[in-house]
PDB file of N, CA and C in Angstrom:
ATOM      1  N   MET A   1      -4.686  35.456 -12.945  1.00  0.00           N
ATOM      2  CA  MET A   1      -4.933  34.048 -12.803  1.00  0.00           C
ATOM      3  C   MET A   1      -3.865  33.458 -11.869  1.00  0.00           C
ATOM      4  N   ARG A   2      -4.297  32.625 -10.971  1.00  0.00           N
ATOM      5  CA  ARG A   2      -3.387  32.041 -10.000  1.00  0.00           C
ATOM      6  C   ARG A   2      -2.858  30.704 -10.492  1.00  0.00           C
ATOM      7  N   ARG A   3      -1.561  30.508 -10.339  1.00  0.00           N
ATOM      8  CA  ARG A   3      -0.931  29.257 -10.756  1.00  0.00           C
ATOM      9  C   ARG A   3      -1.031  28.214  -9.655  1.00  0.00           C
ATOM     10  N   ALA A   4      -1.235  26.978 -10.065  1.00  0.00           N
ATOM     11  CA  ALA A   4      -1.268  25.895  -9.084  1.00  0.00           C
ATOM     12  C   ALA A   4       0.152  25.629  -8.601  1.00  0.00           C
ATOM     13  N   SER A   5       0.283  25.475  -7.333  1.00  0.00           N
ATOM     14  CA  SER A   5       1.609  25.227  -6.777  1.00  0.00           C
ATOM     15  C   SER A   5       1.755  23.747  -6.465  1.00  0.00           C
ATOM     16  N   TYR A   6       2.847  23.173  -6.894  1.00  0.00           N
ATOM     17  CA  TYR A   6       3.111  21.748  -6.673  1.00  0.00           C
ATOM     18  C   TYR A   6       4.310  21.608  -5.746  1.00  0.00           C
ATOM     19  N   ARG A   7       4.128  20.828  -4.712  1.00  0.00           N
ATOM     20  CA  ARG A   7       5.248  20.594  -3.802  1.00  0.00           C
ATOM     21  C   ARG A   7       6.173  19.559  -4.417  1.00  0.00           C
ATOM     22  N   HIS A   8       7.443  19.705  -4.136  1.00  0.00           N
ATOM     23  CA  HIS A   8       8.429  18.747  -4.619  1.00  0.00           C
ATOM     24  C   HIS A   8       8.491  17.579  -3.650  1.00  0.00           C
ATOM     25  N   HIS A   9       8.201  16.421  -4.154  1.00  0.00           N
ATOM     26  CA  HIS A   9       8.329  15.217  -3.341  1.00  0.00           C
ATOM     27  C   HIS A   9       9.740  14.681  -3.536  1.00  0.00           C
ATOM     28  N   GLY A  10      10.293  14.101  -2.514  1.00  0.00           N
ATOM     29  CA  GLY A  10      11.686  13.689  -2.528  1.00  0.00           C
ATOM     30  C   GLY A  10      12.043  12.666  -3.579  1.00  0.00           C
ATOM     31  N   ASN A  11      11.077  11.896  -4.065  1.00  0.00           N
ATOM     32  CA  ASN A  11      11.417  10.835  -5.011  1.00  0.00           C
ATOM     33  C   ASN A  11      11.128  11.214  -6.460  1.00  0.00           C
ATOM     34  N   CYS A  12      10.892  12.471  -6.753  1.00  0.00           N
ATOM     35  CA  CYS A  12      10.575  12.871  -8.122  1.00  0.00           C
ATOM     36  C   CYS A  12      11.772  12.744  -9.061  1.00  0.00           C
ATOM     37  N   ASP A  13      12.967  12.838  -8.537  1.00  0.00           N
ATOM     38  CA  ASP A  13      14.136  12.796  -9.404  1.00  0.00           C
ATOM     39  C   ASP A  13      14.672  11.391  -9.598  1.00  0.00           C
ATOM     40  N   ARG A  14      14.011  10.388  -9.025  1.00  0.00           N
ATOM     41  CA  ARG A  14      14.447   9.012  -9.245  1.00  0.00           C
ATOM     42  C   ARG A  14      14.015   8.539 -10.616  1.00  0.00           C
ATOM     43  N   ALA A  15      14.728   7.560 -11.139  1.00  0.00           N
ATOM     44  CA  ALA A  15      14.336   6.983 -12.425  1.00  0.00           C
ATOM     45  C   ALA A  15      13.038   6.202 -12.250  1.00  0.00           C
ATOM     46  N   ILE A  16      12.338   5.967 -13.350  1.00  0.00           N
ATOM     47  CA  ILE A  16      11.045   5.293 -13.271  1.00  0.00           C
ATOM     48  C   ILE A  16      11.193   3.864 -12.754  1.00  0.00           C
ATOM     49  N   PHE A  17      12.324   3.228 -13.025  1.00  0.00           N
ATOM     50  CA  PHE A  17      12.504   1.842 -12.583  1.00  0.00           C
ATOM     51  C   PHE A  17      12.755   1.753 -11.089  1.00  0.00           C
ATOM     52  N   GLY A  18      13.095   2.835 -10.447  1.00  0.00           N
ATOM     53  CA  GLY A  18      13.357   2.817  -9.019  1.00  0.00           C
ATOM     54  C   GLY A  18      12.140   3.178  -8.187  1.00  0.00           C
ATOM     55  N   SER A  19      11.054   3.549  -8.853  1.00  0.00           N
ATOM     56  CA  SER A  19       9.882   3.961  -8.092  1.00  0.00           C
ATOM     57  C   SER A  19       9.075   2.750  -7.640  1.00  0.00           C
ATOM     58  N   PRO A  20       8.476   2.826  -6.457  1.00  0.00           N
ATOM     59  CA  PRO A  20       7.694   1.696  -5.968  1.00  0.00           C
ATOM     60  C   PRO A  20       6.450   1.432  -6.800  1.00  0.00           C
ATOM     61  N   GLY A  21       5.909   2.441  -7.444  1.00  0.00           N
ATOM     62  CA  GLY A  21       4.736   2.242  -8.282  1.00  0.00           C
ATOM     63  C   GLY A  21       5.034   1.363  -9.479  1.00  0.00           C
ATOM     64  N   PHE A  22       6.213   1.517 -10.048  1.00  0.00           N
ATOM     65  CA  PHE A  22       6.593   0.698 -11.200  1.00  0.00           C
ATOM     66  C   PHE A  22       6.693  -0.764 -10.810  1.00  0.00           C
ATOM     67  N   LYS A  23       7.247  -1.050  -9.644  1.00  0.00           N
ATOM     68  CA  LYS A  23       7.356  -2.444  -9.196  1.00  0.00           C
ATOM     69  C   LYS A  23       5.980  -3.053  -8.987  1.00  0.00           C
ATOM     70  N   PHE A  24       5.068  -2.267  -8.417  1.00  0.00           N
ATOM     71  CA  PHE A  24       3.704  -2.749  -8.202  1.00  0.00           C
ATOM     72  C   PHE A  24       3.041  -3.107  -9.529  1.00  0.00           C
ATOM     73  N   PHE A  25       3.147  -2.215 -10.517  1.00  0.00           N
ATOM     74  CA  PHE A  25       2.520  -2.474 -11.810  1.00  0.00           C
ATOM     75  C   PHE A  25       3.214  -3.607 -12.547  1.00  0.00           C
ATOM     76  N   LEU A  26       4.512  -3.765 -12.351  1.00  0.00           N
ATOM     77  CA  LEU A  26       5.222  -4.876 -12.967  1.00  0.00           C
ATOM     78  C   LEU A  26       4.748  -6.204 -12.392  1.00  0.00           C
ATOM     79  N   ILE A  27       4.588  -6.271 -11.088  1.00  0.00           N
ATOM     80  CA  ILE A  27       4.112  -7.501 -10.445  1.00  0.00           C
ATOM     81  C   ILE A  27       2.674  -7.798 -10.878  1.00  0.00           C
ATOM     82  N   CYS A  28       1.824  -6.780 -10.906  1.00  0.00           N
ATOM     83  CA  CYS A  28       0.440  -6.976 -11.352  1.00  0.00           C
ATOM     84  C   CYS A  28       0.401  -7.443 -12.810  1.00  0.00           C
ATOM     85  N   GLY A  29       1.248  -6.881 -13.627  1.00  0.00           N
ATOM     86  CA  GLY A  29       1.310  -7.297 -15.027  1.00  0.00           C
ATOM     87  C   GLY A  29       1.759  -8.736 -15.180  1.00  0.00           C
ATOM     88  N   LEU A  30       2.739  -9.134 -14.381  1.00  0.00           N
ATOM     89  CA  LEU A  30       3.198 -10.524 -14.439  1.00  0.00           C
ATOM     90  C   LEU A  30       2.109 -11.487 -13.967  1.00  0.00           C
ATOM     91  N   ILE A  31       1.394 -11.119 -12.920  1.00  0.00           N
ATOM     92  CA  ILE A  31       0.305 -11.972 -12.431  1.00  0.00           C
ATOM     93  C   ILE A  31      -0.782 -12.108 -13.492  1.00  0.00           C
ATOM     94  N   LEU A  32      -1.142 -11.001 -14.139  1.00  0.00           N
ATOM     95  CA  LEU A  32      -2.151 -11.063 -15.191  1.00  0.00           C
ATOM     96  C   LEU A  32      -1.677 -11.896 -16.377  1.00  0.00           C
ATOM     97  N   ALA A  33      -0.404 -11.774 -16.735  1.00  0.00           N
ATOM     98  CA  ALA A  33       0.132 -12.562 -17.847  1.00  0.00           C
ATOM     99  C   ALA A  33       0.087 -14.055 -17.527  1.00  0.00           C
ATOM    100  N   VAL A  34       0.417 -14.419 -16.296  1.00  0.00           N
ATOM    101  CA  VAL A  34       0.359 -15.830 -15.898  1.00  0.00           C
ATOM    102  C   VAL A  34      -1.082 -16.330 -15.923  1.00  0.00           C
ATOM    103  N   LEU A  35      -2.012 -15.520 -15.409  1.00  0.00           N
ATOM    104  CA  LEU A  35      -3.416 -15.935 -15.423  1.00  0.00           C
ATOM    105  C   LEU A  35      -3.957 -16.106 -16.836  1.00  0.00           C
ATOM    106  N   TYR A  36      -3.647 -15.175 -17.724  1.00  0.00           N
ATOM    107  CA  TYR A  36      -4.087 -15.307 -19.108  1.00  0.00           C
ATOM    108  C   TYR A  36      -3.434 -16.516 -19.771  1.00  0.00           C
ATOM    109  N   GLY A  37      -2.177 -16.784 -19.451  1.00  0.00           N
ATOM    110  CA  GLY A  37      -1.511 -17.968 -19.988  1.00  0.00           C
ATOM    111  C   GLY A  37      -2.171 -19.250 -19.514  1.00  0.00           C
ATOM    112  N   LEU A  38      -2.538 -19.294 -18.236  1.00  0.00           N
ATOM    113  CA  LEU A  38      -3.219 -20.490 -17.717  1.00  0.00           C
ATOM    114  C   LEU A  38      -4.593 -20.659 -18.352  1.00  0.00           C
ATOM    115  N   LEU A  39      -5.325 -19.570 -18.525  1.00  0.00           N
ATOM    116  CA  LEU A  39      -6.626 -19.666 -19.196  1.00  0.00           C
ATOM    117  C   LEU A  39      -6.469 -20.140 -20.635  1.00  0.00           C
ATOM    118  N   TYR A  40      -5.466 -19.655 -21.317  1.00  0.00           N
ATOM    119  CA  TYR A  40      -5.209 -20.099 -22.690  1.00  0.00           C
ATOM    120  C   TYR A  40      -4.877 -21.586 -22.717  1.00  0.00           C
ATOM    121  N   LEU A  41      -4.068 -22.026 -21.754  1.00  0.00           N
ATOM    122  CA  LEU A  41      -3.699 -23.443 -21.680  1.00  0.00           C
ATOM    123  C   LEU A  41      -4.925 -24.319 -21.438  1.00  0.00           C
ATOM    124  N   ILE A  42      -5.789 -23.891 -20.529  1.00  0.00           N
ATOM    125  CA  ILE A  42      -7.002 -24.666 -20.239  1.00  0.00           C
ATOM    126  C   ILE A  42      -7.908 -24.735 -21.471  1.00  0.00           C
ATOM    127  N   LEU A  43      -8.020 -23.622 -22.181  1.00  0.00           N
ATOM    128  CA  LEU A  43      -8.868 -23.627 -23.374  1.00  0.00           C
ATOM    129  C   LEU A  43      -8.288 -24.500 -24.488  1.00  0.00           C
ATOM    130  N   GLN A  44      -6.977 -24.629 -24.547  1.00  0.00           N
ATOM    131  CA  GLN A  44      -6.352 -25.446 -25.576  1.00  0.00           C
ATOM    132  C   GLN A  44      -6.425 -26.938 -25.266  1.00  0.00           C
ATOM    133  N   LEU A  45      -6.607 -27.297 -24.011  1.00  0.00           N
ATOM    134  CA  LEU A  45      -6.627 -28.707 -23.630  1.00  0.00           C
ATOM    135  C   LEU A  45      -7.922 -29.406 -24.053  1.00  0.00           C
ATOM    136  N   GLU A  46      -8.983 -28.706 -24.178  1.00  0.00           N
ATOM    137  CA  GLU A  46     -10.296 -29.185 -24.570  1.00  0.00           C
ATOM    138  C   GLU A  46     -10.755 -30.419 -23.795  1.00  0.00           C
ATOM    139  N   ASP A  47     -10.181 -31.576 -24.041  1.00  0.00           N
ATOM    140  CA  ASP A  47     -10.641 -32.817 -23.412  1.00  0.00           C
ATOM    141  C   ASP A  47     -10.339 -32.846 -21.920  1.00  0.00           C
ATOM    142  N   TYR A  48      -9.258 -32.231 -21.505  1.00  0.00           N
ATOM    143  CA  TYR A  48      -8.851 -32.268 -20.103  1.00  0.00           C
ATOM    144  C   TYR A  48      -9.028 -30.916 -19.411  1.00  0.00           C
ATOM    145  N   ALA A  49      -9.866 -30.065 -19.969  1.00  0.00           N
ATOM    146  CA  ALA A  49     -10.043 -28.722 -19.411  1.00  0.00           C
ATOM    147  C   ALA A  49     -10.627 -28.765 -18.005  1.00  0.00           C
ATOM    148  N   LEU A  50     -11.584 -29.657 -17.759  1.00  0.00           N
ATOM    149  CA  LEU A  50     -12.192 -29.749 -16.439  1.00  0.00           C
ATOM    150  C   LEU A  50     -11.173 -30.228 -15.411  1.00  0.00           C
ATOM    151  N   LEU A  51     -10.388 -31.226 -15.772  1.00  0.00           N
ATOM    152  CA  LEU A  51      -9.351 -31.735 -14.867  1.00  0.00           C
ATOM    153  C   LEU A  51      -8.292 -30.667 -14.594  1.00  0.00           C
ATOM    154  N   ALA A  52      -7.829 -29.990 -15.634  1.00  0.00           N
ATOM    155  CA  ALA A  52      -6.807 -28.949 -15.469  1.00  0.00           C
ATOM    156  C   ALA A  52      -7.338 -27.792 -14.633  1.00  0.00           C
ATOM    157  N   GLY A  53      -8.580 -27.391 -14.843  1.00  0.00           N
ATOM    158  CA  GLY A  53      -9.169 -26.312 -14.058  1.00  0.00           C
ATOM    159  C   GLY A  53      -9.315 -26.692 -12.598  1.00  0.00           C
ATOM    160  N   ALA A  54      -9.710 -27.948 -12.333  1.00  0.00           N
ATOM    161  CA  ALA A  54      -9.853 -28.397 -10.951  1.00  0.00           C
ATOM    162  C   ALA A  54      -8.498 -28.442 -10.250  1.00  0.00           C
ATOM    163  N   VAL A  55      -7.473 -28.925 -10.937  1.00  0.00           N
ATOM    164  CA  VAL A  55      -6.124 -28.988 -10.353  1.00  0.00           C
ATOM    165  C   VAL A  55      -5.600 -27.586 -10.082  1.00  0.00           C
ATOM    166  N   LEU A  56      -5.772 -26.675 -11.028  1.00  0.00           N
ATOM    167  CA  LEU A  56      -5.314 -25.295 -10.829  1.00  0.00           C
ATOM    168  C   LEU A  56      -6.088 -24.612  -9.704  1.00  0.00           C
ATOM    169  N   GLY A  57      -7.372 -24.885  -9.601  1.00  0.00           N
ATOM    170  CA  GLY A  57      -8.160 -24.329  -8.500  1.00  0.00           C
ATOM    171  C   GLY A  57      -7.681 -24.849  -7.155  1.00  0.00           C
ATOM    172  N   PHE A  58      -7.387 -26.137  -7.088  1.00  0.00           N
ATOM    173  CA  PHE A  58      -6.881 -26.718  -5.855  1.00  0.00           C
ATOM    174  C   PHE A  58      -5.523 -26.125  -5.484  1.00  0.00           C
ATOM    175  N   LEU A  59      -4.637 -25.986  -6.464  1.00  0.00           N
ATOM    176  CA  LEU A  59      -3.318 -25.408  -6.195  1.00  0.00           C
ATOM    177  C   LEU A  59      -3.432 -23.953  -5.741  1.00  0.00           C
ATOM    178  N   THR A  60      -4.338 -23.209  -6.342  1.00  0.00           N
ATOM    179  CA  THR A  60      -4.556 -21.819  -5.932  1.00  0.00           C
ATOM    180  C   THR A  60      -5.058 -21.753  -4.497  1.00  0.00           C
ATOM    181  N   LEU A  61      -6.016 -22.607  -4.175  1.00  0.00           N
ATOM    182  CA  LEU A  61      -6.545 -22.644  -2.811  1.00  0.00           C
ATOM    183  C   LEU A  61      -5.458 -23.040  -1.811  1.00  0.00           C
ATOM    184  N   ALA A  62      -4.607 -24.003  -2.185  1.00  0.00           N
ATOM    185  CA  ALA A  62      -3.524 -24.432  -1.299  1.00  0.00           C
ATOM    186  C   ALA A  62      -2.526 -23.300  -1.061  1.00  0.00           C
ATOM    187  N   VAL A  63      -2.200 -22.541  -2.102  1.00  0.00           N
ATOM    188  CA  VAL A  63      -1.259 -21.424  -1.954  1.00  0.00           C
ATOM    189  C   VAL A  63      -1.856 -20.335  -1.066  1.00  0.00           C
ATOM    190  N   VAL A  64      -3.130 -20.023  -1.260  1.00  0.00           N
ATOM    191  CA  VAL A  64      -3.775 -18.995  -0.431  1.00  0.00           C
ATOM    192  C   VAL A  64      -3.841 -19.453   1.019  1.00  0.00           C
ATOM    193  N   MET A  65      -4.194 -20.702   1.260  1.00  0.00           N
ATOM    194  CA  MET A  65      -4.272 -21.203   2.635  1.00  0.00           C
ATOM    195  C   MET A  65      -2.904 -21.223   3.295  1.00  0.00           C
ATOM    196  N   PHE A  66      -1.876 -21.613   2.550  1.00  0.00           N
ATOM    197  CA  PHE A  66      -0.531 -21.649   3.117  1.00  0.00           C
ATOM    198  C   PHE A  66      -0.008 -20.246   3.404  1.00  0.00           C
ATOM    199  N   SER A  67      -0.305 -19.298   2.515  1.00  0.00           N
ATOM    200  CA  SER A  67       0.206 -17.937   2.706  1.00  0.00           C
ATOM    201  C   SER A  67      -0.509 -17.213   3.855  1.00  0.00           C
ATOM    202  N   THR A  68      -1.723 -17.636   4.191  1.00  0.00           N
ATOM    203  CA  THR A  68      -2.449 -17.005   5.288  1.00  0.00           C
ATOM    204  C   THR A  68      -2.496 -17.883   6.521  1.00  0.00           C
ATOM    205  N   LEU A  69      -1.525 -18.741   6.659  1.00  0.00           N
ATOM    206  CA  LEU A  69      -1.492 -19.700   7.772  1.00  0.00           C
ATOM    207  C   LEU A  69      -1.440 -19.015   9.118  1.00  0.00           C
ATOM    208  N   ARG A  70      -0.655 -17.947   9.224  1.00  0.00           N
ATOM    209  CA  ARG A  70      -0.437 -17.289  10.517  1.00  0.00           C
ATOM    210  C   ARG A  70      -1.204 -15.975  10.664  1.00  0.00           C
ATOM    211  N   VAL A  71      -2.211 -15.771   9.856  1.00  0.00           N
ATOM    212  CA  VAL A  71      -3.034 -14.566   9.949  1.00  0.00           C
ATOM    213  C   VAL A  71      -4.039 -14.763  11.066  1.00  0.00           C
ATOM    214  N   GLU A  72      -4.104 -13.796  11.975  1.00  0.00           N
ATOM    215  CA  GLU A  72      -5.029 -13.890  13.117  1.00  0.00           C
ATOM    216  C   GLU A  72      -6.389 -13.404  12.721  1.00  0.00           C
TER     217      GLU A  72
END
């Protein structure tokens, strides 16, 4: 039976906190936590949920437009 051979990548001996994949998942986790928090807040407002959702939608659109200002 032939054994699978694995090449050694240079970053295998780094700690998990130093890997770029961990930073990516940490940022994604923080974004998801903020989104779930905002959804929870909107659901708790009940009477002002439509107003809060519209304001958050506008702010999201403004951030996306500002961040892509110089994209060709």
